[in-house]
Amino acid sequence: MKDLSVLLVCGSGASSGFMGTSISKAAKKKGINCKVVARSKSEVDSYIDSIDMVMIGPHMKHIKAEIEEKAADKDVKVMVMKKSYYSLLDGEAALEHILSYY
């Protein structure tokens, strides 16, 4: 598998920071090089050309169509994180969700 670059988006980028760390640890355990950056919605444009995926916090699912529009002409997947793993900061479950797109 190629290296992955994932942008996590939540309201301020704070809560997703913890999720990003958890995903990175889970990926490292599996021998997957997965760079995860957590940022606010306002920073998506700055990252959209250098990432493989945007993961949106479940509480921000209303922005999915807007993000998909920004990613339409790029090879960037867009998904909404599941509450089940987001609320627990379960990086392994989140990583499995990411990998299901590849």
PDB file of N, CA and C in Angstrom:
ATOM      1  N   MET A   1       0.841  -1.187   0.000  1.00  0.00           N
ATOM      2  CA  MET A   1       0.000   0.000   0.000  1.00  0.00           C
ATOM      3  C   MET A   1       0.881   1.243   0.000  1.00  0.00           C
ATOM      4  N   LYS A   2       0.452   2.220  -0.745  1.00  0.00           N
ATOM      5  CA  LYS A   2       1.200   3.477  -0.797  1.00  0.00           C
ATOM      6  C   LYS A   2       1.041   4.233   0.524  1.00  0.00           C
ATOM      7  N   ASP A   3       1.885   5.207   0.710  1.00  0.00           N
ATOM      8  CA  ASP A   3       1.754   6.066   1.886  1.00  0.00           C
ATOM      9  C   ASP A   3       0.448   6.839   1.771  1.00  0.00           C
ATOM     10  N   LEU A   4      -0.183   7.068   2.907  1.00  0.00           N
ATOM     11  CA  LEU A   4      -1.439   7.810   2.925  1.00  0.00           C
ATOM     12  C   LEU A   4      -1.275   9.119   3.670  1.00  0.00           C
ATOM     13  N   SER A   5      -1.953  10.121   3.182  1.00  0.00           N
ATOM     14  CA  SER A   5      -1.982  11.419   3.841  1.00  0.00           C
ATOM     15  C   SER A   5      -3.450  11.778   4.068  1.00  0.00           C
ATOM     16  N   VAL A   6      -3.811  11.931   5.348  1.00  0.00           N
ATOM     17  CA  VAL A   6      -5.204  12.130   5.726  1.00  0.00           C
ATOM     18  C   VAL A   6      -5.356  13.454   6.465  1.00  0.00           C
ATOM     19  N   LEU A   7      -6.376  14.202   6.085  1.00  0.00           N
ATOM     20  CA  LEU A   7      -6.722  15.440   6.771  1.00  0.00           C
ATOM     21  C   LEU A   7      -7.998  15.193   7.563  1.00  0.00           C
ATOM     22  N   LEU A   8      -7.909  15.358   8.891  1.00  0.00           N
ATOM     23  CA  LEU A   8      -9.091  15.244   9.748  1.00  0.00           C
ATOM     24  C   LEU A   8      -9.643  16.641   9.952  1.00  0.00           C
ATOM     25  N   VAL A   9     -10.948  16.780   9.776  1.00  0.00           N
ATOM     26  CA  VAL A   9     -11.583  18.090   9.910  1.00  0.00           C
ATOM     27  C   VAL A   9     -12.655  18.030  10.984  1.00  0.00           C
ATOM     28  N   CYS A  10     -12.544  18.941  11.945  1.00  0.00           N
ATOM     29  CA  CYS A  10     -13.613  19.104  12.926  1.00  0.00           C
ATOM     30  C   CYS A  10     -13.819  20.607  13.092  1.00  0.00           C
ATOM     31  N   GLY A  11     -14.540  21.012  14.079  1.00  0.00           N
ATOM     32  CA  GLY A  11     -14.827  22.431  14.248  1.00  0.00           C
ATOM     33  C   GLY A  11     -13.582  23.285  14.349  1.00  0.00           C
ATOM     34  N   SER A  12     -12.736  22.997  15.318  1.00  0.00           N
ATOM     35  CA  SER A  12     -11.539  23.813  15.539  1.00  0.00           C
ATOM     36  C   SER A  12     -10.253  23.060  15.238  1.00  0.00           C
ATOM     37  N   GLY A  13     -10.352  21.750  15.064  1.00  0.00           N
ATOM     38  CA  GLY A  13      -9.159  20.947  14.832  1.00  0.00           C
ATOM     39  C   GLY A  13      -8.609  20.341  16.104  1.00  0.00           C
ATOM     40  N   ALA A  14      -9.159  20.720  17.251  1.00  0.00           N
ATOM     41  CA  ALA A  14      -8.626  20.258  18.534  1.00  0.00           C
ATOM     42  C   ALA A  14      -8.967  18.796  18.825  1.00  0.00           C
ATOM     43  N   SER A  15     -10.241  18.447  18.827  1.00  0.00           N
ATOM     44  CA  SER A  15     -10.622  17.075  19.158  1.00  0.00           C
ATOM     45  C   SER A  15     -10.091  16.086  18.138  1.00  0.00           C
ATOM     46  N   SER A  16     -10.022  16.493  16.893  1.00  0.00           N
ATOM     47  CA  SER A  16      -9.494  15.597  15.867  1.00  0.00           C
ATOM     48  C   SER A  16      -7.997  15.369  16.013  1.00  0.00           C
ATOM     49  N   GLY A  17      -7.318  16.258  16.688  1.00  0.00           N
ATOM     50  CA  GLY A  17      -5.889  16.070  16.944  1.00  0.00           C
ATOM     51  C   GLY A  17      -5.631  14.789  17.717  1.00  0.00           C
ATOM     52  N   PHE A  18      -6.442  14.535  18.714  1.00  0.00           N
ATOM     53  CA  PHE A  18      -6.313  13.303  19.490  1.00  0.00           C
ATOM     54  C   PHE A  18      -6.636  12.087  18.633  1.00  0.00           C
ATOM     55  N   MET A  19      -7.645  12.214  17.795  1.00  0.00           N
ATOM     56  CA  MET A  19      -8.021  11.127  16.891  1.00  0.00           C
ATOM     57  C   MET A  19      -6.888  10.854  15.907  1.00  0.00           C
ATOM     58  N   GLY A  20      -6.284  11.910  15.394  1.00  0.00           N
ATOM     59  CA  GLY A  20      -5.175  11.758  14.462  1.00  0.00           C
ATOM     60  C   GLY A  20      -4.004  11.010  15.060  1.00  0.00           C
ATOM     61  N   THR A  21      -3.676  11.332  16.285  1.00  0.00           N
ATOM     62  CA  THR A  21      -2.589  10.640  16.989  1.00  0.00           C
ATOM     63  C   THR A  21      -2.916   9.161  17.143  1.00  0.00           C
ATOM     64  N   SER A  22      -4.153   8.871  17.479  1.00  0.00           N
ATOM     65  CA  SER A  22      -4.587   7.490  17.655  1.00  0.00           C
ATOM     66  C   SER A  22      -4.523   6.706  16.340  1.00  0.00           C
ATOM     67  N   ILE A  23      -4.934   7.335  15.252  1.00  0.00           N
ATOM     68  CA  ILE A  23      -4.867   6.686  13.924  1.00  0.00           C
ATOM     69  C   ILE A  23      -3.409   6.437  13.539  1.00  0.00           C
ATOM     70  N   SER A  24      -2.557   7.422  13.762  1.00  0.00           N
ATOM     71  CA  SER A  24      -1.133   7.281  13.418  1.00  0.00           C
ATOM     72  C   SER A  24      -0.505   6.115  14.172  1.00  0.00           C
ATOM     73  N   LYS A  25      -0.822   5.975  15.445  1.00  0.00           N
ATOM     74  CA  LYS A  25      -0.286   4.864  16.247  1.00  0.00           C
ATOM     75  C   LYS A  25      -0.780   3.522  15.716  1.00  0.00           C
ATOM     76  N   ALA A  26      -2.058   3.456  15.367  1.00  0.00           N
ATOM     77  CA  ALA A  26      -2.631   2.212  14.834  1.00  0.00           C
ATOM     78  C   ALA A  26      -1.967   1.847  13.504  1.00  0.00           C
ATOM     79  N   ALA A  27      -1.738   2.849  12.657  1.00  0.00           N
ATOM     80  CA  ALA A  27      -1.097   2.601  11.355  1.00  0.00           C
ATOM     81  C   ALA A  27       0.329   2.105  11.546  1.00  0.00           C
ATOM     82  N   LYS A  28       1.046   2.724  12.462  1.00  0.00           N
ATOM     83  CA  LYS A  28       2.438   2.326  12.712  1.00  0.00           C
ATOM     84  C   LYS A  28       2.505   0.859  13.152  1.00  0.00           C
ATOM     85  N   LYS A  29       1.566   0.449  14.005  1.00  0.00           N
ATOM     86  CA  LYS A  29       1.511  -0.946  14.465  1.00  0.00           C
ATOM     87  C   LYS A  29       1.337  -1.913  13.297  1.00  0.00           C
ATOM     88  N   LYS A  30       0.609  -1.478  12.270  1.00  0.00           N
ATOM     89  CA  LYS A  30       0.338  -2.325  11.107  1.00  0.00           C
ATOM     90  C   LYS A  30       1.379  -2.141  10.009  1.00  0.00           C
ATOM     91  N   GLY A  31       2.370  -1.296  10.249  1.00  0.00           N
ATOM     92  CA  GLY A  31       3.404  -1.068   9.255  1.00  0.00           C
ATOM     93  C   GLY A  31       2.945  -0.215   8.087  1.00  0.00           C
ATOM     94  N   ILE A  32       1.939   0.615   8.320  1.00  0.00           N
ATOM     95  CA  ILE A  32       1.405   1.491   7.274  1.00  0.00           C
ATOM     96  C   ILE A  32       1.883   2.912   7.537  1.00  0.00           C
ATOM     97  N   ASN A  33       2.421   3.552   6.524  1.00  0.00           N
ATOM     98  CA  ASN A  33       2.854   4.938   6.654  1.00  0.00           C
ATOM     99  C   ASN A  33       1.662   5.837   6.369  1.00  0.00           C
ATOM    100  N   CYS A  34       1.074   6.365   7.420  1.00  0.00           N
ATOM    101  CA  CYS A  34      -0.133   7.177   7.298  1.00  0.00           C
ATOM    102  C   CYS A  34       0.078   8.484   8.061  1.00  0.00           C
ATOM    103  N   LYS A  35       0.225   9.560   7.307  1.00  0.00           N
ATOM    104  CA  LYS A  35       0.391  10.884   7.909  1.00  0.00           C
ATOM    105  C   LYS A  35      -1.002  11.478   8.132  1.00  0.00           C
ATOM    106  N   VAL A  36      -1.279  11.858   9.363  1.00  0.00           N
ATOM    107  CA  VAL A  36      -2.594  12.397   9.704  1.00  0.00           C
ATOM    108  C   VAL A  36      -2.420  13.795  10.288  1.00  0.00           C
ATOM    109  N   VAL A  37      -3.154  14.750   9.717  1.00  0.00           N
ATOM    110  CA  VAL A  37      -3.121  16.128  10.190  1.00  0.00           C
ATOM    111  C   VAL A  37      -4.543  16.536  10.536  1.00  0.00           C
ATOM    112  N   ALA A  38      -4.716  17.150  11.690  1.00  0.00           N
ATOM    113  CA  ALA A  38      -6.042  17.633  12.100  1.00  0.00           C
ATOM    114  C   ALA A  38      -6.087  19.147  11.980  1.00  0.00           C
ATOM    115  N   ARG A  39      -7.094  19.632  11.263  1.00  0.00           N
ATOM    116  CA  ARG A  39      -7.237  21.070  11.049  1.00  0.00           C
ATOM    117  C   ARG A  39      -8.717  21.449  11.053  1.00  0.00           C
ATOM    118  N   SER A  40      -8.967  22.728  11.081  1.00  0.00           N
ATOM    119  CA  SER A  40     -10.347  23.206  11.013  1.00  0.00           C
ATOM    120  C   SER A  40     -10.812  23.233   9.564  1.00  0.00           C
ATOM    121  N   LYS A  41     -12.103  23.350   9.370  1.00  0.00           N
ATOM    122  CA  LYS A  41     -12.707  23.385   8.033  1.00  0.00           C
ATOM    123  C   LYS A  41     -12.106  24.499   7.173  1.00  0.00           C
ATOM    124  N   SER A  42     -11.789  25.611   7.787  1.00  0.00           N
ATOM    125  CA  SER A  42     -11.275  26.761   7.034  1.00  0.00           C
ATOM    126  C   SER A  42      -9.918  26.500   6.388  1.00  0.00           C
ATOM    127  N   GLU A  43      -9.231  25.423   6.797  1.00  0.00           N
ATOM    128  CA  GLU A  43      -7.902  25.132   6.262  1.00  0.00           C
ATOM    129  C   GLU A  43      -7.887  24.062   5.174  1.00  0.00           C
ATOM    130  N   VAL A  44      -9.044  23.537   4.812  1.00  0.00           N
ATOM    131  CA  VAL A  44      -9.110  22.462   3.812  1.00  0.00           C
ATOM    132  C   VAL A  44      -8.440  22.878   2.512  1.00  0.00           C
ATOM    133  N   ASP A  45      -8.719  24.082   2.033  1.00  0.00           N
ATOM    134  CA  ASP A  45      -8.134  24.539   0.764  1.00  0.00           C
ATOM    135  C   ASP A  45      -6.611  24.493   0.766  1.00  0.00           C
ATOM    136  N   SER A  46      -6.006  24.711   1.925  1.00  0.00           N
ATOM    137  CA  SER A  46      -4.539  24.713   2.028  1.00  0.00           C
ATOM    138  C   SER A  46      -3.951  23.306   1.901  1.00  0.00           C
ATOM    139  N   TYR A  47      -4.761  22.274   2.130  1.00  0.00           N
ATOM    140  CA  TYR A  47      -4.265  20.898   2.146  1.00  0.00           C
ATOM    141  C   TYR A  47      -4.778  20.036   0.998  1.00  0.00           C
ATOM    142  N   ILE A  48      -5.846  20.447   0.338  1.00  0.00           N
ATOM    143  CA  ILE A  48      -6.558  19.584  -0.596  1.00  0.00           C
ATOM    144  C   ILE A  48      -5.680  19.038  -1.724  1.00  0.00           C
ATOM    145  N   ASP A  49      -4.638  19.748  -2.109  1.00  0.00           N
ATOM    146  CA  ASP A  49      -3.766  19.283  -3.192  1.00  0.00           C
ATOM    147  C   ASP A  49      -2.681  18.313  -2.731  1.00  0.00           C
ATOM    148  N   SER A  50      -2.551  18.110  -1.432  1.00  0.00           N
ATOM    149  CA  SER A  50      -1.450  17.271  -0.949  1.00  0.00           C
ATOM    150  C   SER A  50      -1.912  16.106  -0.076  1.00  0.00           C
ATOM    151  N   ILE A  51      -3.200  15.764  -0.138  1.00  0.00           N
ATOM    152  CA  ILE A  51      -3.727  14.685   0.693  1.00  0.00           C
ATOM    153  C   ILE A  51      -4.430  13.632  -0.157  1.00  0.00           C
ATOM    154  N   ASP A  52      -4.665  12.478   0.475  1.00  0.00           N
ATOM    155  CA  ASP A  52      -5.388  11.387  -0.173  1.00  0.00           C
ATOM    156  C   ASP A  52      -6.843  11.320   0.288  1.00  0.00           C
ATOM    157  N   MET A  53      -7.093  11.816   1.506  1.00  0.00           N
ATOM    158  CA  MET A  53      -8.422  11.680   2.080  1.00  0.00           C
ATOM    159  C   MET A  53      -8.710  12.809   3.059  1.00  0.00           C
ATOM    160  N   VAL A  54      -9.983  13.202   3.097  1.00  0.00           N
ATOM    161  CA  VAL A  54     -10.484  14.105   4.132  1.00  0.00           C
ATOM    162  C   VAL A  54     -11.459  13.294   4.975  1.00  0.00           C
ATOM    163  N   MET A  55     -11.211  13.244   6.275  1.00  0.00           N
ATOM    164  CA  MET A  55     -12.131  12.611   7.220  1.00  0.00           C
ATOM    165  C   MET A  55     -12.786  13.734   8.015  1.00  0.00           C
ATOM    166  N   ILE A  56     -14.102  13.744   7.996  1.00  0.00           N
ATOM    167  CA  ILE A  56     -14.856  14.808   8.649  1.00  0.00           C
ATOM    168  C   ILE A  56     -15.425  14.281   9.961  1.00  0.00           C
ATOM    169  N   GLY A  57     -15.299  15.068  11.021  1.00  0.00           N
ATOM    170  CA  GLY A  57     -15.881  14.692  12.311  1.00  0.00           C
ATOM    171  C   GLY A  57     -17.374  14.482  12.171  1.00  0.00           C
ATOM    172  N   PRO A  58     -17.938  13.518  12.906  1.00  0.00           N
ATOM    173  CA  PRO A  58     -19.357  13.206  12.757  1.00  0.00           C
ATOM    174  C   PRO A  58     -20.280  14.398  13.032  1.00  0.00           C
ATOM    175  N   HIS A  59     -19.848  15.289  13.891  1.00  0.00           N
ATOM    176  CA  HIS A  59     -20.647  16.479  14.221  1.00  0.00           C
ATOM    177  C   HIS A  59     -20.588  17.536  13.115  1.00  0.00           C
ATOM    178  N   MET A  60     -19.742  17.306  12.104  1.00  0.00           N
ATOM    179  CA  MET A  60     -19.577  18.247  10.992  1.00  0.00           C
ATOM    180  C   MET A  60     -20.043  17.642   9.664  1.00  0.00           C
ATOM    181  N   LYS A  61     -20.829  16.568   9.732  1.00  0.00           N
ATOM    182  CA  LYS A  61     -21.220  15.870   8.498  1.00  0.00           C
ATOM    183  C   LYS A  61     -21.940  16.775   7.504  1.00  0.00           C
ATOM    184  N   HIS A  62     -22.498  17.860   7.970  1.00  0.00           N
ATOM    185  CA  HIS A  62     -23.209  18.787   7.091  1.00  0.00           C
ATOM    186  C   HIS A  62     -22.292  19.476   6.070  1.00  0.00           C
ATOM    187  N   ILE A  63     -20.966  19.404   6.261  1.00  0.00           N
ATOM    188  CA  ILE A  63     -20.039  20.029   5.309  1.00  0.00           C
ATOM    189  C   ILE A  63     -19.527  19.046   4.250  1.00  0.00           C
ATOM    190  N   LYS A  64     -19.983  17.797   4.299  1.00  0.00           N
ATOM    191  CA  LYS A  64     -19.453  16.777   3.388  1.00  0.00           C
ATOM    192  C   LYS A  64     -19.609  17.184   1.921  1.00  0.00           C
ATOM    193  N   ALA A  65     -20.781  17.645   1.528  1.00  0.00           N
ATOM    194  CA  ALA A  65     -21.005  18.018   0.120  1.00  0.00           C
ATOM    195  C   ALA A  65     -20.066  19.146  -0.300  1.00  0.00           C
ATOM    196  N   GLU A  66     -19.847  20.091   0.576  1.00  0.00           N
ATOM    197  CA  GLU A  66     -18.942  21.216   0.278  1.00  0.00           C
ATOM    198  C   GLU A  66     -17.509  20.714   0.074  1.00  0.00           C
ATOM    199  N   ILE A  67     -17.072  19.799   0.918  1.00  0.00           N
ATOM    200  CA  ILE A  67     -15.713  19.242   0.815  1.00  0.00           C
ATOM    201  C   ILE A  67     -15.614  18.381  -0.449  1.00  0.00           C
ATOM    202  N   GLU A  68     -16.653  17.607  -0.738  1.00  0.00           N
ATOM    203  CA  GLU A  68     -16.647  16.784  -1.958  1.00  0.00           C
ATOM    204  C   GLU A  68     -16.522  17.662  -3.200  1.00  0.00           C
ATOM    205  N   GLU A  69     -17.145  18.813  -3.170  1.00  0.00           N
ATOM    206  CA  GLU A  69     -17.051  19.744  -4.292  1.00  0.00           C
ATOM    207  C   GLU A  69     -15.609  20.223  -4.473  1.00  0.00           C
ATOM    208  N   LYS A  70     -14.940  20.530  -3.357  1.00  0.00           N
ATOM    209  CA  LYS A  70     -13.543  20.980  -3.416  1.00  0.00           C
ATOM    210  C   LYS A  70     -12.628  19.864  -3.929  1.00  0.00           C
ATOM    211  N   ALA A  71     -12.997  18.617  -3.634  1.00  0.00           N
ATOM    212  CA  ALA A  71     -12.160  17.469  -3.996  1.00  0.00           C
ATOM    213  C   ALA A  71     -12.545  16.852  -5.340  1.00  0.00           C
ATOM    214  N   ALA A  72     -13.568  17.368  -5.978  1.00  0.00           N
ATOM    215  CA  ALA A  72     -14.136  16.746  -7.178  1.00  0.00           C
ATOM    216  C   ALA A  72     -13.131  16.510  -8.299  1.00  0.00           C
ATOM    217  N   ASP A  73     -12.244  17.434  -8.547  1.00  0.00           N
ATOM    218  CA  ASP A  73     -11.293  17.276  -9.643  1.00  0.00           C
ATOM    219  C   ASP A  73      -9.933  16.771  -9.169  1.00  0.00           C
ATOM    220  N   LYS A  74      -9.901  16.243  -7.967  1.00  0.00           N
ATOM    221  CA  LYS A  74      -8.659  15.712  -7.393  1.00  0.00           C
ATOM    222  C   LYS A  74      -8.886  14.247  -7.012  1.00  0.00           C
ATOM    223  N   ASP A  75      -7.829  13.537  -6.789  1.00  0.00           N
ATOM    224  CA  ASP A  75      -7.957  12.140  -6.362  1.00  0.00           C
ATOM    225  C   ASP A  75      -7.979  12.096  -4.833  1.00  0.00           C
ATOM    226  N   VAL A  76      -8.995  12.730  -4.251  1.00  0.00           N
ATOM    227  CA  VAL A  76      -9.113  12.828  -2.794  1.00  0.00           C
ATOM    228  C   VAL A  76     -10.453  12.231  -2.370  1.00  0.00           C
ATOM    229  N   LYS A  77     -10.402  11.254  -1.492  1.00  0.00           N
ATOM    230  CA  LYS A  77     -11.621  10.646  -0.979  1.00  0.00           C
ATOM    231  C   LYS A  77     -12.142  11.485   0.199  1.00  0.00           C
ATOM    232  N   VAL A  78     -13.454  11.512   0.360  1.00  0.00           N
ATOM    233  CA  VAL A  78     -14.076  12.281   1.440  1.00  0.00           C
ATOM    234  C   VAL A  78     -15.011  11.355   2.204  1.00  0.00           C
ATOM    235  N   MET A  79     -14.855  11.309   3.521  1.00  0.00           N
ATOM    236  CA  MET A  79     -15.716  10.458   4.335  1.00  0.00           C
ATOM    237  C   MET A  79     -16.035  11.137   5.651  1.00  0.00           C
ATOM    238  N   VAL A  80     -17.120  10.705   6.267  1.00  0.00           N
ATOM    239  CA  VAL A  80     -17.499  11.183   7.599  1.00  0.00           C
ATOM    240  C   VAL A  80     -17.126  10.094   8.593  1.00  0.00           C
ATOM    241  N   MET A  81     -16.420  10.488   9.649  1.00  0.00           N
ATOM    242  CA  MET A  81     -16.048   9.525  10.679  1.00  0.00           C
ATOM    243  C   MET A  81     -17.300   9.002  11.383  1.00  0.00           C
ATOM    244  N   LYS A  82     -17.240   7.768  11.810  1.00  0.00           N
ATOM    245  CA  LYS A  82     -18.363   7.173  12.541  1.00  0.00           C
ATOM    246  C   LYS A  82     -18.284   7.598  14.007  1.00  0.00           C
ATOM    247  N   LYS A  83     -19.436   7.928  14.552  1.00  0.00           N
ATOM    248  CA  LYS A  83     -19.490   8.316  15.973  1.00  0.00           C
ATOM    249  C   LYS A  83     -18.936   7.221  16.870  1.00  0.00           C
ATOM    250  N   SER A  84     -19.150   5.965  16.465  1.00  0.00           N
ATOM    251  CA  SER A  84     -18.754   4.829  17.298  1.00  0.00           C
ATOM    252  C   SER A  84     -17.266   4.833  17.628  1.00  0.00           C
ATOM    253  N   TYR A  85     -16.421   5.164  16.680  1.00  0.00           N
ATOM    254  CA  TYR A  85     -14.986   5.203  16.991  1.00  0.00           C
ATOM    255  C   TYR A  85     -14.500   6.598  17.328  1.00  0.00           C
ATOM    256  N   TYR A  86     -15.147   7.607  16.785  1.00  0.00           N
ATOM    257  CA  TYR A  86     -14.723   8.981  17.066  1.00  0.00           C
ATOM    258  C   TYR A  86     -14.883   9.302  18.550  1.00  0.00           C
ATOM    259  N   SER A  87     -16.011   8.906  19.128  1.00  0.00           N
ATOM    260  CA  SER A  87     -16.264   9.219  20.536  1.00  0.00           C
ATOM    261  C   SER A  87     -15.297   8.501  21.471  1.00  0.00           C
ATOM    262  N   LEU A  88     -14.754   7.378  21.024  1.00  0.00           N
ATOM    263  CA  LEU A  88     -13.805   6.604  21.832  1.00  0.00           C
ATOM    264  C   LEU A  88     -12.349   6.884  21.464  1.00  0.00           C
ATOM    265  N   LEU A  89     -12.156   7.724  20.426  1.00  0.00           N
ATOM    266  CA  LEU A  89     -10.818   7.975  19.878  1.00  0.00           C
ATOM    267  C   LEU A  89     -10.130   6.659  19.516  1.00  0.00           C
ATOM    268  N   ASP A  90     -10.897   5.753  18.918  1.00  0.00           N
ATOM    269  CA  ASP A  90     -10.422   4.424  18.542  1.00  0.00           C
ATOM    270  C   ASP A  90      -9.723   4.498  17.183  1.00  0.00           C
ATOM    271  N   GLY A  91      -8.420   4.670  17.222  1.00  0.00           N
ATOM    272  CA  GLY A  91      -7.632   4.813  16.007  1.00  0.00           C
ATOM    273  C   GLY A  91      -7.630   3.576  15.135  1.00  0.00           C
ATOM    274  N   GLU A  92      -7.697   2.400  15.756  1.00  0.00           N
ATOM    275  CA  GLU A  92      -7.696   1.161  14.972  1.00  0.00           C
ATOM    276  C   GLU A  92      -8.969   1.049  14.139  1.00  0.00           C
ATOM    277  N   ALA A  93     -10.116   1.359  14.726  1.00  0.00           N
ATOM    278  CA  ALA A  93     -11.381   1.312  13.981  1.00  0.00           C
ATOM    279  C   ALA A  93     -11.398   2.386  12.895  1.00  0.00           C
ATOM    280  N   ALA A  94     -10.872   3.558  13.211  1.00  0.00           N
ATOM    281  CA  ALA A  94     -10.807   4.637  12.215  1.00  0.00           C
ATOM    282  C   ALA A  94      -9.906   4.236  11.055  1.00  0.00           C
ATOM    283  N   LEU A  95      -8.782   3.607  11.357  1.00  0.00           N
ATOM    284  CA  LEU A  95      -7.865   3.160  10.307  1.00  0.00           C
ATOM    285  C   LEU A  95      -8.537   2.123   9.417  1.00  0.00           C
ATOM    286  N   GLU A  96      -9.279   1.206  10.004  1.00  0.00           N
ATOM    287  CA  GLU A  96      -9.999   0.213   9.210  1.00  0.00           C
ATOM    288  C   GLU A  96     -10.997   0.899   8.280  1.00  0.00           C
ATOM    289  N   HIS A  97     -11.642   1.946   8.761  1.00  0.00           N
ATOM    290  CA  HIS A  97     -12.582   2.706   7.937  1.00  0.00           C
ATOM    291  C   HIS A  97     -11.830   3.367   6.774  1.00  0.00           C
ATOM    292  N   ILE A  98     -10.676   3.951   7.060  1.00  0.00           N
ATOM    293  CA  ILE A  98      -9.853   4.555   6.002  1.00  0.00           C
ATOM    294  C   ILE A  98      -9.484   3.507   4.961  1.00  0.00           C
ATOM    295  N   LEU A  99      -8.978   2.378   5.426  1.00  0.00           N
ATOM    296  CA  LEU A  99      -8.492   1.342   4.513  1.00  0.00           C
ATOM    297  C   LEU A  99      -9.620   0.729   3.684  1.00  0.00           C
ATOM    298  N   SER A 100     -10.849   0.816   4.156  1.00  0.00           N
ATOM    299  CA  SER A 100     -11.983   0.274   3.389  1.00  0.00           C
ATOM    300  C   SER A 100     -12.207   1.042   2.093  1.00  0.00           C
ATOM    301  N   TYR A 101     -11.613   2.222   1.968  1.00  0.00           N
ATOM    302  CA  TYR A 101     -11.741   3.033   0.760  1.00  0.00           C
ATOM    303  C   TYR A 101     -10.663   2.692  -0.276  1.00  0.00           C
ATOM    304  N   TYR A 102      -9.729   1.797   0.101  1.00  0.00           N
ATOM    305  CA  TYR A 102      -8.613   1.462  -0.793  1.00  0.00           C
ATOM    306  C   TYR A 102      -8.578  -0.012  -1.125  1.00  0.00           C
TER     307      TYR A 102
END
